[in-house]
Amino acid sequence: MPITFNMELWQLRTFCEIADTLNFTKASERLNLTQSAVSHQIKALEDELGVKLFLRGKRGVKLTDAGRSAVESSRKILDEAESMRQQVAGREQALAGSVRVAAATQALVYLFAPLFEDFMDSHDSVELVFRTTANTEQTIGDVLEGLVDVGFASMAVYSPTLETIELFSDELMLVVGKKHGLAAKKEVSISELEKERWVLFERGASIRRATDDFFKKVQVKPEKALESNDTYFVKLMVEHGLGVSLMPSWAVREEVKTGKLAQVRVKGHELKRSVAMVSLKGLKSAPIRAFIEYMLNGKARLQAAASAKNL
């Protein structure tokens, strides 16, 4: 005798929303339902499955082991249902809509702009809406708050509500002015770095976080000349000899080519960072899915653009 299930897609949507927020009140607000209706749906789903999906306590709501397993299955079912709906409606053949994208200003300008431009050329019915952020933390916050659909983050991201896909890695290198005593060197030692004054990015920036981690690792206390989150300003100050800095190679490519700045490796150290594409888990519109797929297909191109070997 075949087994029958009475669960509905709307129950799975409610379940995933609570799993994302771990808060019945927030989930009900997002779904525009009363809290009692949300609770009733989850109770019906738990009865259907014969397991508890959530643990409710004074400190809030947590997924059970069965709940964690059910989340992934539910998202697959909902994604398949959405895919079928769009195929039947004919929208897969004619993508239309918008994708809101966030990235730190320097990455948007120096790395992503060419790929974004090509995406717009090949998807003329999809509008890309750009939002520049001061740092990676703001980018992730914008994704979590629903202000943007896709963000690009150069720091480790741990959130049960986020889908994180690594795109490429880059490397921070010592950047000095062309007249600096280290400009002609291929490598510098830690002892040489201790003598320098530094032009640093402000706290909160992913570059600053990586820089601070490096200083801590090699036990260097940098003498700061100034701080700024303006990449152009940092480069200009280094060019004029106010200090040295650690920056990704792609951010100074043009200045190195024209001889305004020089890049030097730190002997015995590779300051690698991973850059990922971040979006909320769950259902995504056809334009968002198309954009994510396009960026994944462009991984090799992004890696080549970010590589220090191209200098």
C-alpha atoms as a PDB file:
ATOM      1  CA  MET A   1       0.000   0.000   0.000  1.00  0.00           C
ATOM      2  CA  PRO A   2       1.547   3.344  -1.022  1.00  0.00           C
ATOM      3  CA  ILE A   3       2.421   5.820   1.689  1.00  0.00           C
ATOM      4  CA  THR A   4       0.561   9.122   1.439  1.00  0.00           C
ATOM      5  CA  PHE A   5       1.735  12.503   2.700  1.00  0.00           C
ATOM      6  CA  ASN A   6      -0.494  15.441   3.509  1.00  0.00           C
ATOM      7  CA  MET A   7       2.239  18.060   3.870  1.00  0.00           C
ATOM      8  CA  GLU A   8       1.913  21.213   1.779  1.00  0.00           C
ATOM      9  CA  LEU A   9       4.490  23.494   0.186  1.00  0.00           C
ATOM     10  CA  TRP A  10       3.364  26.381   2.367  1.00  0.00           C
ATOM     11  CA  GLN A  11       4.165  24.316   5.447  1.00  0.00           C
ATOM     12  CA  LEU A  12       7.691  23.748   4.134  1.00  0.00           C
ATOM     13  CA  ARG A  13       8.093  27.468   3.400  1.00  0.00           C
ATOM     14  CA  THR A  14       7.026  28.298   6.947  1.00  0.00           C
ATOM     15  CA  PHE A  15       9.370  25.659   8.344  1.00  0.00           C
ATOM     16  CA  CYS A  16      12.352  27.015   6.352  1.00  0.00           C
ATOM     17  CA  GLU A  17      11.577  30.581   7.384  1.00  0.00           C
ATOM     18  CA  ILE A  18      11.639  29.626  11.074  1.00  0.00           C
ATOM     19  CA  ALA A  19      14.799  27.577  10.518  1.00  0.00           C
ATOM     20  CA  ASP A  20      16.427  30.671   9.003  1.00  0.00           C
ATOM     21  CA  THR A  21      15.361  33.088  11.734  1.00  0.00           C
ATOM     22  CA  LEU A  22      15.063  30.702  14.712  1.00  0.00           C
ATOM     23  CA  ASN A  23      12.262  32.997  15.801  1.00  0.00           C
ATOM     24  CA  PHE A  24       8.528  32.321  15.380  1.00  0.00           C
ATOM     25  CA  THR A  25       7.640  36.004  15.672  1.00  0.00           C
ATOM     26  CA  LYS A  26      10.085  37.134  12.962  1.00  0.00           C
ATOM     27  CA  ALA A  27       9.009  34.280  10.706  1.00  0.00           C
ATOM     28  CA  SER A  28       5.339  35.194  11.073  1.00  0.00           C
ATOM     29  CA  GLU A  29       6.115  38.839  10.224  1.00  0.00           C
ATOM     30  CA  ARG A  30       8.082  37.856   7.116  1.00  0.00           C
ATOM     31  CA  LEU A  31       5.330  35.500   5.981  1.00  0.00           C
ATOM     32  CA  ASN A  32       2.578  37.983   6.863  1.00  0.00           C
ATOM     33  CA  LEU A  33       0.874  35.369   9.056  1.00  0.00           C
ATOM     34  CA  THR A  34      -0.259  35.352  12.646  1.00  0.00           C
ATOM     35  CA  GLN A  35       2.039  33.614  15.100  1.00  0.00           C
ATOM     36  CA  SER A  36      -0.699  31.126  15.942  1.00  0.00           C
ATOM     37  CA  ALA A  37      -1.032  30.208  12.255  1.00  0.00           C
ATOM     38  CA  VAL A  38       2.722  29.641  12.022  1.00  0.00           C
ATOM     39  CA  SER A  39       2.695  27.488  15.162  1.00  0.00           C
ATOM     40  CA  HIS A  40      -0.245  25.482  13.799  1.00  0.00           C
ATOM     41  CA  GLN A  41       1.566  24.814  10.518  1.00  0.00           C
ATOM     42  CA  ILE A  42       4.688  23.572  12.277  1.00  0.00           C
ATOM     43  CA  LYS A  43       2.618  21.367  14.615  1.00  0.00           C
ATOM     44  CA  ALA A  44       0.845  19.849  11.599  1.00  0.00           C
ATOM     45  CA  LEU A  45       4.173  19.234   9.850  1.00  0.00           C
ATOM     46  CA  GLU A  46       5.683  17.638  12.951  1.00  0.00           C
ATOM     47  CA  ASP A  47       2.613  15.387  13.291  1.00  0.00           C
ATOM     48  CA  GLU A  48       2.917  14.402   9.634  1.00  0.00           C
ATOM     49  CA  LEU A  49       6.615  13.547   9.946  1.00  0.00           C
ATOM     50  CA  GLY A  50       6.291  12.003  13.403  1.00  0.00           C
ATOM     51  CA  VAL A  51       9.258  13.971  14.798  1.00  0.00           C
ATOM     52  CA  LYS A  52       9.964  17.205  16.632  1.00  0.00           C
ATOM     53  CA  LEU A  53      11.561  19.779  14.336  1.00  0.00           C
ATOM     54  CA  PHE A  54      12.299  22.449  16.950  1.00  0.00           C
ATOM     55  CA  LEU A  55      13.258  22.616  20.587  1.00  0.00           C
ATOM     56  CA  ARG A  56      11.547  25.525  22.333  1.00  0.00           C
ATOM     57  CA  GLY A  57      13.079  26.931  25.502  1.00  0.00           C
ATOM     58  CA  LYS A  58      13.545  30.116  27.503  1.00  0.00           C
ATOM     59  CA  ARG A  59      16.577  31.014  25.404  1.00  0.00           C
ATOM     60  CA  GLY A  60      14.743  30.682  22.123  1.00  0.00           C
ATOM     61  CA  VAL A  61      14.239  28.098  19.405  1.00  0.00           C
ATOM     62  CA  LYS A  62      16.722  25.511  18.163  1.00  0.00           C
ATOM     63  CA  LEU A  63      16.512  22.933  15.398  1.00  0.00           C
ATOM     64  CA  THR A  64      16.539  19.304  16.466  1.00  0.00           C
ATOM     65  CA  ASP A  65      18.764  16.823  14.621  1.00  0.00           C
ATOM     66  CA  ALA A  66      15.695  15.756  12.648  1.00  0.00           C
ATOM     67  CA  GLY A  67      14.917  19.425  11.969  1.00  0.00           C
ATOM     68  CA  ARG A  68      18.386  20.075  10.547  1.00  0.00           C
ATOM     69  CA  SER A  69      18.014  17.112   8.232  1.00  0.00           C
ATOM     70  CA  ALA A  70      14.529  18.221   7.185  1.00  0.00           C
ATOM     71  CA  VAL A  71      15.693  21.761   6.325  1.00  0.00           C
ATOM     72  CA  GLU A  72      17.932  20.627   3.479  1.00  0.00           C
ATOM     73  CA  SER A  73      15.259  18.331   2.053  1.00  0.00           C
ATOM     74  CA  SER A  74      12.623  21.047   2.336  1.00  0.00           C
ATOM     75  CA  ARG A  75      14.777  23.578   0.496  1.00  0.00           C
ATOM     76  CA  LYS A  76      15.400  21.116  -2.329  1.00  0.00           C
ATOM     77  CA  ILE A  77      11.665  20.458  -2.658  1.00  0.00           C
ATOM     78  CA  LEU A  78      10.867  24.182  -2.675  1.00  0.00           C
ATOM     79  CA  ASP A  79      13.619  24.932  -5.193  1.00  0.00           C
ATOM     80  CA  GLU A  80      12.344  22.185  -7.494  1.00  0.00           C
ATOM     81  CA  ALA A  81       8.791  23.490  -7.163  1.00  0.00           C
ATOM     82  CA  GLU A  82       9.904  27.025  -8.009  1.00  0.00           C
ATOM     83  CA  SER A  83      11.919  25.776 -10.968  1.00  0.00           C
ATOM     84  CA  MET A  84       8.904  23.892 -12.291  1.00  0.00           C
ATOM     85  CA  ARG A  85       6.657  26.912 -11.814  1.00  0.00           C
ATOM     86  CA  GLN A  86       8.989  29.174 -13.760  1.00  0.00           C
ATOM     87  CA  GLN A  87       9.467  26.655 -16.555  1.00  0.00           C
ATOM     88  CA  VAL A  88       5.731  26.211 -16.949  1.00  0.00           C
ATOM     89  CA  ALA A  89       5.245  29.973 -16.910  1.00  0.00           C
ATOM     90  CA  GLY A  90       7.874  30.359 -19.632  1.00  0.00           C
ATOM     91  CA  ARG A  91      10.012  32.740 -17.597  1.00  0.00           C
ATOM     92  CA  GLU A  92      13.195  30.665 -17.913  1.00  0.00           C
ATOM     93  CA  GLN A  93      13.295  31.536 -21.594  1.00  0.00           C
ATOM     94  CA  ALA A  94      12.835  35.247 -20.912  1.00  0.00           C
ATOM     95  CA  LEU A  95      14.617  36.255 -17.722  1.00  0.00           C
ATOM     96  CA  ALA A  96      13.347  39.512 -16.332  1.00  0.00           C
ATOM     97  CA  GLY A  97      13.821  41.290 -13.059  1.00  0.00           C
ATOM     98  CA  SER A  98      16.591  42.711 -10.924  1.00  0.00           C
ATOM     99  CA  VAL A  99      19.518  41.497  -8.833  1.00  0.00           C
ATOM    100  CA  ARG A 100      20.829  43.621  -5.962  1.00  0.00           C
ATOM    101  CA  VAL A 101      24.556  43.165  -5.489  1.00  0.00           C
ATOM    102  CA  ALA A 102      26.844  44.402  -2.695  1.00  0.00           C
ATOM    103  CA  ALA A 103      30.636  44.483  -2.479  1.00  0.00           C
ATOM    104  CA  ALA A 104      33.323  46.612  -0.911  1.00  0.00           C
ATOM    105  CA  THR A 105      34.011  49.625  -3.113  1.00  0.00           C
ATOM    106  CA  GLN A 106      37.567  48.683  -4.116  1.00  0.00           C
ATOM    107  CA  ALA A 107      36.572  45.130  -5.107  1.00  0.00           C
ATOM    108  CA  LEU A 108      33.617  46.407  -7.112  1.00  0.00           C
ATOM    109  CA  VAL A 109      35.825  48.820  -9.040  1.00  0.00           C
ATOM    110  CA  TYR A 110      38.959  46.741  -9.543  1.00  0.00           C
ATOM    111  CA  LEU A 111      37.687  43.155  -9.745  1.00  0.00           C
ATOM    112  CA  PHE A 112      33.990  42.647 -10.370  1.00  0.00           C
ATOM    113  CA  ALA A 113      33.097  45.493 -12.724  1.00  0.00           C
ATOM    114  CA  PRO A 114      34.196  43.772 -15.990  1.00  0.00           C
ATOM    115  CA  LEU A 115      32.279  40.589 -15.165  1.00  0.00           C
ATOM    116  CA  PHE A 116      29.196  42.535 -14.087  1.00  0.00           C
ATOM    117  CA  GLU A 117      29.300  44.496 -17.347  1.00  0.00           C
ATOM    118  CA  ASP A 118      29.451  41.294 -19.394  1.00  0.00           C
ATOM    119  CA  PHE A 119      26.526  39.855 -17.428  1.00  0.00           C
ATOM    120  CA  MET A 120      24.407  42.906 -18.203  1.00  0.00           C
ATOM    121  CA  ASP A 121      25.349  42.709 -21.886  1.00  0.00           C
ATOM    122  CA  SER A 122      24.258  39.068 -22.080  1.00  0.00           C
ATOM    123  CA  HIS A 123      21.137  39.504 -19.895  1.00  0.00           C
ATOM    124  CA  ASP A 124      19.658  42.776 -21.089  1.00  0.00           C
ATOM    125  CA  SER A 125      16.291  42.145 -19.364  1.00  0.00           C
ATOM    126  CA  VAL A 126      17.957  41.784 -15.947  1.00  0.00           C
ATOM    127  CA  GLU A 127      18.867  44.933 -14.033  1.00  0.00           C
ATOM    128  CA  LEU A 128      21.918  44.821 -11.762  1.00  0.00           C
ATOM    129  CA  VAL A 129      21.583  47.213  -8.829  1.00  0.00           C
ATOM    130  CA  PHE A 130      24.911  47.936  -7.127  1.00  0.00           C
ATOM    131  CA  ARG A 131      25.440  48.785  -3.472  1.00  0.00           C
ATOM    132  CA  THR A 132      28.972  49.630  -2.355  1.00  0.00           C
ATOM    133  CA  THR A 133      29.868  48.863   1.243  1.00  0.00           C
ATOM    134  CA  ALA A 134      32.612  50.123   3.533  1.00  0.00           C
ATOM    135  CA  ASN A 135      33.695  46.631   4.513  1.00  0.00           C
ATOM    136  CA  THR A 136      32.864  42.948   4.384  1.00  0.00           C
ATOM    137  CA  GLU A 137      30.916  43.027   7.657  1.00  0.00           C
ATOM    138  CA  GLN A 138      28.512  45.560   6.167  1.00  0.00           C
ATOM    139  CA  THR A 139      28.158  43.426   3.029  1.00  0.00           C
ATOM    140  CA  ILE A 140      27.175  40.354   5.056  1.00  0.00           C
ATOM    141  CA  GLY A 141      24.816  42.442   7.174  1.00  0.00           C
ATOM    142  CA  ASP A 142      23.091  43.765   4.058  1.00  0.00           C
ATOM    143  CA  VAL A 143      22.529  40.206   2.802  1.00  0.00           C
ATOM    144  CA  LEU A 144      21.162  39.046   6.166  1.00  0.00           C
ATOM    145  CA  GLU A 145      18.808  42.026   6.374  1.00  0.00           C
ATOM    146  CA  GLY A 146      17.513  41.443   2.849  1.00  0.00           C
ATOM    147  CA  LEU A 147      18.854  44.744   1.517  1.00  0.00           C
ATOM    148  CA  VAL A 148      20.734  42.913  -1.253  1.00  0.00           C
ATOM    149  CA  ASP A 149      20.403  39.537  -2.961  1.00  0.00           C
ATOM    150  CA  VAL A 150      24.081  38.664  -3.404  1.00  0.00           C
ATOM    151  CA  GLY A 151      27.180  39.908  -1.594  1.00  0.00           C
ATOM    152  CA  PHE A 152      30.902  39.310  -1.973  1.00  0.00           C
ATOM    153  CA  ALA A 153      32.843  38.720   1.241  1.00  0.00           C
ATOM    154  CA  SER A 154      36.555  38.302   1.938  1.00  0.00           C
ATOM    155  CA  MET A 155      36.216  36.819   5.405  1.00  0.00           C
ATOM    156  CA  ALA A 156      35.008  33.555   6.901  1.00  0.00           C
ATOM    157  CA  VAL A 157      31.199  33.526   7.044  1.00  0.00           C
ATOM    158  CA  TYR A 158      29.358  31.304   9.515  1.00  0.00           C
ATOM    159  CA  SER A 159      25.584  31.577   9.451  1.00  0.00           C
ATOM    160  CA  PRO A 160      22.882  28.913   9.119  1.00  0.00           C
ATOM    161  CA  THR A 161      20.848  31.316   6.991  1.00  0.00           C
ATOM    162  CA  LEU A 162      23.542  31.999   4.386  1.00  0.00           C
ATOM    163  CA  GLU A 163      24.732  30.094   1.338  1.00  0.00           C
ATOM    164  CA  THR A 164      28.463  30.721   0.880  1.00  0.00           C
ATOM    165  CA  ILE A 165      30.355  29.776  -2.289  1.00  0.00           C
ATOM    166  CA  GLU A 166      34.091  30.382  -2.577  1.00  0.00           C
ATOM    167  CA  LEU A 167      35.013  32.218  -5.782  1.00  0.00           C
ATOM    168  CA  PHE A 168      38.731  32.924  -5.669  1.00  0.00           C
ATOM    169  CA  SER A 169      41.657  33.781  -3.425  1.00  0.00           C
ATOM    170  CA  ASP A 170      43.954  36.797  -3.396  1.00  0.00           C
ATOM    171  CA  GLU A 171      47.178  37.744  -1.662  1.00  0.00           C
ATOM    172  CA  LEU A 172      48.161  40.791   0.363  1.00  0.00           C
ATOM    173  CA  MET A 173      51.613  42.147  -0.397  1.00  0.00           C
ATOM    174  CA  LEU A 174      53.746  44.965   0.974  1.00  0.00           C
ATOM    175  CA  VAL A 175      53.171  48.152  -1.038  1.00  0.00           C
ATOM    176  CA  VAL A 176      55.782  50.951  -1.023  1.00  0.00           C
ATOM    177  CA  GLY A 177      56.451  54.149  -2.967  1.00  0.00           C
ATOM    178  CA  LYS A 178      58.840  54.052  -5.922  1.00  0.00           C
ATOM    179  CA  LYS A 179      61.509  56.011  -4.001  1.00  0.00           C
ATOM    180  CA  HIS A 180      61.290  53.843  -0.892  1.00  0.00           C
ATOM    181  CA  GLY A 181      64.379  51.926   0.117  1.00  0.00           C
ATOM    182  CA  LEU A 182      62.542  48.599  -0.178  1.00  0.00           C
ATOM    183  CA  ALA A 183      61.121  49.254  -3.648  1.00  0.00           C
ATOM    184  CA  ALA A 184      63.943  47.464  -5.473  1.00  0.00           C
ATOM    185  CA  LYS A 185      63.753  44.341  -3.313  1.00  0.00           C
ATOM    186  CA  LYS A 186      61.917  41.135  -4.172  1.00  0.00           C
ATOM    187  CA  GLU A 187      61.440  40.150  -0.521  1.00  0.00           C
ATOM    188  CA  VAL A 188      61.619  41.847   2.853  1.00  0.00           C
ATOM    189  CA  SER A 189      62.217  40.368   6.296  1.00  0.00           C
ATOM    190  CA  ILE A 190      60.050  40.813   9.378  1.00  0.00           C
ATOM    191  CA  SER A 191      62.817  42.841  11.025  1.00  0.00           C
ATOM    192  CA  GLU A 192      62.694  45.310   8.120  1.00  0.00           C
ATOM    193  CA  LEU A 193      58.931  45.711   8.524  1.00  0.00           C
ATOM    194  CA  GLU A 194      59.344  46.676  12.169  1.00  0.00           C
ATOM    195  CA  LYS A 195      61.154  49.864  11.133  1.00  0.00           C
ATOM    196  CA  GLU A 196      58.344  51.144   8.896  1.00  0.00           C
ATOM    197  CA  ARG A 197      55.436  53.507   9.453  1.00  0.00           C
ATOM    198  CA  TRP A 198      52.124  52.123   8.229  1.00  0.00           C
ATOM    199  CA  VAL A 199      49.149  53.436   6.290  1.00  0.00           C
ATOM    200  CA  LEU A 200      46.404  51.036   7.364  1.00  0.00           C
ATOM    201  CA  PHE A 201      42.786  50.433   6.503  1.00  0.00           C
ATOM    202  CA  GLU A 202      40.297  51.125   9.290  1.00  0.00           C
ATOM    203  CA  ARG A 203      39.160  48.425  11.687  1.00  0.00           C
ATOM    204  CA  GLY A 204      36.267  46.401  10.318  1.00  0.00           C
ATOM    205  CA  ALA A 205      37.742  46.216   6.814  1.00  0.00           C
ATOM    206  CA  SER A 206      38.699  42.688   5.760  1.00  0.00           C
ATOM    207  CA  ILE A 207      42.146  43.926   4.689  1.00  0.00           C
ATOM    208  CA  ARG A 208      42.696  45.404   8.148  1.00  0.00           C
ATOM    209  CA  ARG A 209      41.591  42.173   9.786  1.00  0.00           C
ATOM    210  CA  ALA A 210      44.074  40.171   7.705  1.00  0.00           C
ATOM    211  CA  THR A 211      46.778  42.762   8.410  1.00  0.00           C
ATOM    212  CA  ASP A 212      46.195  42.661  12.163  1.00  0.00           C
ATOM    213  CA  ASP A 213      46.260  38.862  12.123  1.00  0.00           C
ATOM    214  CA  PHE A 214      49.604  38.966  10.314  1.00  0.00           C
ATOM    215  CA  PHE A 215      51.113  41.492  12.747  1.00  0.00           C
ATOM    216  CA  LYS A 216      49.964  39.351  15.661  1.00  0.00           C
ATOM    217  CA  LYS A 217      51.434  36.216  14.093  1.00  0.00           C
ATOM    218  CA  VAL A 218      54.876  37.772  13.510  1.00  0.00           C
ATOM    219  CA  GLN A 219      54.739  39.794  16.753  1.00  0.00           C
ATOM    220  CA  VAL A 220      55.105  43.188  15.095  1.00  0.00           C
ATOM    221  CA  LYS A 221      53.587  46.327  16.647  1.00  0.00           C
ATOM    222  CA  PRO A 222      53.148  48.659  13.677  1.00  0.00           C
ATOM    223  CA  GLU A 223      53.792  52.367  13.973  1.00  0.00           C
ATOM    224  CA  LYS A 224      50.724  53.916  12.349  1.00  0.00           C
ATOM    225  CA  ALA A 225      51.035  56.980  10.187  1.00  0.00           C
ATOM    226  CA  LEU A 226      47.289  57.125   9.442  1.00  0.00           C
ATOM    227  CA  GLU A 227      44.174  55.024   8.783  1.00  0.00           C
ATOM    228  CA  SER A 228      41.597  55.214   5.995  1.00  0.00           C
ATOM    229  CA  ASN A 229      39.082  53.005   4.192  1.00  0.00           C
ATOM    230  CA  ASP A 230      39.599  54.954   0.966  1.00  0.00           C
ATOM    231  CA  THR A 231      41.770  52.734  -1.237  1.00  0.00           C
ATOM    232  CA  TYR A 232      42.775  55.615  -3.496  1.00  0.00           C
ATOM    233  CA  PHE A 233      43.814  57.719  -0.489  1.00  0.00           C
ATOM    234  CA  VAL A 234      45.866  54.864   1.001  1.00  0.00           C
ATOM    235  CA  LYS A 235      47.690  54.371  -2.298  1.00  0.00           C
ATOM    236  CA  LEU A 236      48.320  58.102  -2.650  1.00  0.00           C
ATOM    237  CA  MET A 237      49.785  58.371   0.844  1.00  0.00           C
ATOM    238  CA  VAL A 238      52.075  55.398   0.191  1.00  0.00           C
ATOM    239  CA  GLU A 239      53.104  56.897  -3.145  1.00  0.00           C
ATOM    240  CA  HIS A 240      54.071  60.148  -1.411  1.00  0.00           C
ATOM    241  CA  GLY A 241      56.164  58.330   1.146  1.00  0.00           C
ATOM    242  CA  LEU A 242      54.012  58.760   4.262  1.00  0.00           C
ATOM    243  CA  GLY A 243      54.240  55.059   4.997  1.00  0.00           C
ATOM    244  CA  VAL A 244      53.891  51.530   3.629  1.00  0.00           C
ATOM    245  CA  SER A 245      50.832  49.286   3.490  1.00  0.00           C
ATOM    246  CA  LEU A 246      49.609  45.740   2.910  1.00  0.00           C
ATOM    247  CA  MET A 247      47.168  45.552   0.005  1.00  0.00           C
ATOM    248  CA  PRO A 248      45.838  42.970  -2.457  1.00  0.00           C
ATOM    249  CA  SER A 249      47.882  42.876  -5.621  1.00  0.00           C
ATOM    250  CA  TRP A 250      44.872  43.601  -7.853  1.00  0.00           C
ATOM    251  CA  ALA A 251      44.214  46.927  -6.108  1.00  0.00           C
ATOM    252  CA  VAL A 252      47.582  48.398  -7.141  1.00  0.00           C
ATOM    253  CA  ARG A 253      48.060  46.770 -10.538  1.00  0.00           C
ATOM    254  CA  GLU A 254      47.939  50.023 -12.529  1.00  0.00           C
ATOM    255  CA  GLU A 255      50.214  51.924 -10.124  1.00  0.00           C
ATOM    256  CA  VAL A 256      52.785  49.125 -10.245  1.00  0.00           C
ATOM    257  CA  LYS A 257      52.682  49.094 -14.053  1.00  0.00           C
ATOM    258  CA  THR A 258      53.242  52.845 -14.241  1.00  0.00           C
ATOM    259  CA  GLY A 259      56.018  52.771 -11.635  1.00  0.00           C
ATOM    260  CA  LYS A 260      54.223  54.845  -8.994  1.00  0.00           C
ATOM    261  CA  LEU A 261      54.237  51.977  -6.495  1.00  0.00           C
ATOM    262  CA  ALA A 262      56.187  48.784  -5.941  1.00  0.00           C
ATOM    263  CA  GLN A 263      55.114  45.484  -4.425  1.00  0.00           C
ATOM    264  CA  VAL A 264      57.356  43.324  -2.269  1.00  0.00           C
ATOM    265  CA  ARG A 265      56.720  39.890  -0.795  1.00  0.00           C
ATOM    266  CA  VAL A 266      57.241  39.246   2.894  1.00  0.00           C
ATOM    267  CA  LYS A 267      59.863  36.542   3.204  1.00  0.00           C
ATOM    268  CA  GLY A 268      58.459  33.252   4.464  1.00  0.00           C
ATOM    269  CA  HIS A 269      54.835  34.408   4.464  1.00  0.00           C
ATOM    270  CA  GLU A 270      51.871  34.241   2.085  1.00  0.00           C
ATOM    271  CA  LEU A 271      49.014  36.500   3.169  1.00  0.00           C
ATOM    272  CA  LYS A 272      46.199  34.677   1.379  1.00  0.00           C
ATOM    273  CA  ARG A 273      42.507  35.527   1.658  1.00  0.00           C
ATOM    274  CA  SER A 274      39.449  33.699   0.367  1.00  0.00           C
ATOM    275  CA  VAL A 275      36.678  35.665  -1.370  1.00  0.00           C
ATOM    276  CA  ALA A 276      33.196  34.165  -1.419  1.00  0.00           C
ATOM    277  CA  MET A 277      29.769  34.875  -2.899  1.00  0.00           C
ATOM    278  CA  VAL A 278      27.078  35.048  -0.219  1.00  0.00           C
ATOM    279  CA  SER A 279      23.285  34.867  -0.476  1.00  0.00           C
ATOM    280  CA  LEU A 280      20.352  33.819   1.690  1.00  0.00           C
ATOM    281  CA  LYS A 281      19.490  30.141   1.579  1.00  0.00           C
ATOM    282  CA  GLY A 282      16.179  29.122   0.120  1.00  0.00           C
ATOM    283  CA  LEU A 283      14.177  30.161  -2.902  1.00  0.00           C
ATOM    284  CA  LYS A 284      15.796  32.518  -5.387  1.00  0.00           C
ATOM    285  CA  SER A 285      14.330  34.235  -8.407  1.00  0.00           C
ATOM    286  CA  ALA A 286      15.409  33.211 -11.904  1.00  0.00           C
ATOM    287  CA  PRO A 287      17.515  36.403 -12.369  1.00  0.00           C
ATOM    288  CA  ILE A 288      19.368  35.778  -9.077  1.00  0.00           C
ATOM    289  CA  ARG A 289      20.033  32.169 -10.020  1.00  0.00           C
ATOM    290  CA  ALA A 290      21.273  33.267 -13.444  1.00  0.00           C
ATOM    291  CA  PHE A 291      23.616  35.820 -11.883  1.00  0.00           C
ATOM    292  CA  ILE A 292      25.043  33.309  -9.394  1.00  0.00           C
ATOM    293  CA  GLU A 293      25.583  30.765 -12.166  1.00  0.00           C
ATOM    294  CA  TYR A 294      27.291  33.407 -14.327  1.00  0.00           C
ATOM    295  CA  MET A 295      29.674  34.345 -11.511  1.00  0.00           C
ATOM    296  CA  LEU A 296      30.500  30.680 -10.880  1.00  0.00           C
ATOM    297  CA  ASN A 297      31.310  30.253 -14.561  1.00  0.00           C
ATOM    298  CA  GLY A 298      33.597  33.272 -14.251  1.00  0.00           C
ATOM    299  CA  LYS A 299      35.649  31.894 -11.331  1.00  0.00           C
ATOM    300  CA  ALA A 300      38.758  31.298 -13.438  1.00  0.00           C
ATOM    301  CA  ARG A 301      38.539  34.803 -14.861  1.00  0.00           C
ATOM    302  CA  LEU A 302      38.231  36.320 -11.385  1.00  0.00           C
ATOM    303  CA  GLN A 303      41.132  34.245 -10.084  1.00  0.00           C
ATOM    304  CA  ALA A 304      43.309  35.413 -12.959  1.00  0.00           C
ATOM    305  CA  ALA A 305      42.368  39.042 -12.279  1.00  0.00           C
ATOM    306  CA  ALA A 306      43.121  38.668  -8.562  1.00  0.00           C
ATOM    307  CA  SER A 307      46.417  36.813  -8.964  1.00  0.00           C
ATOM    308  CA  ALA A 308      49.691  38.525  -8.040  1.00  0.00           C
ATOM    309  CA  LYS A 309      51.334  36.530 -10.835  1.00  0.00           C
ATOM    310  CA  ASN A 310      49.732  38.828 -13.384  1.00  0.00           C
ATOM    311  CA  LEU A 311      51.715  41.829 -12.165  1.00  0.00           C
END
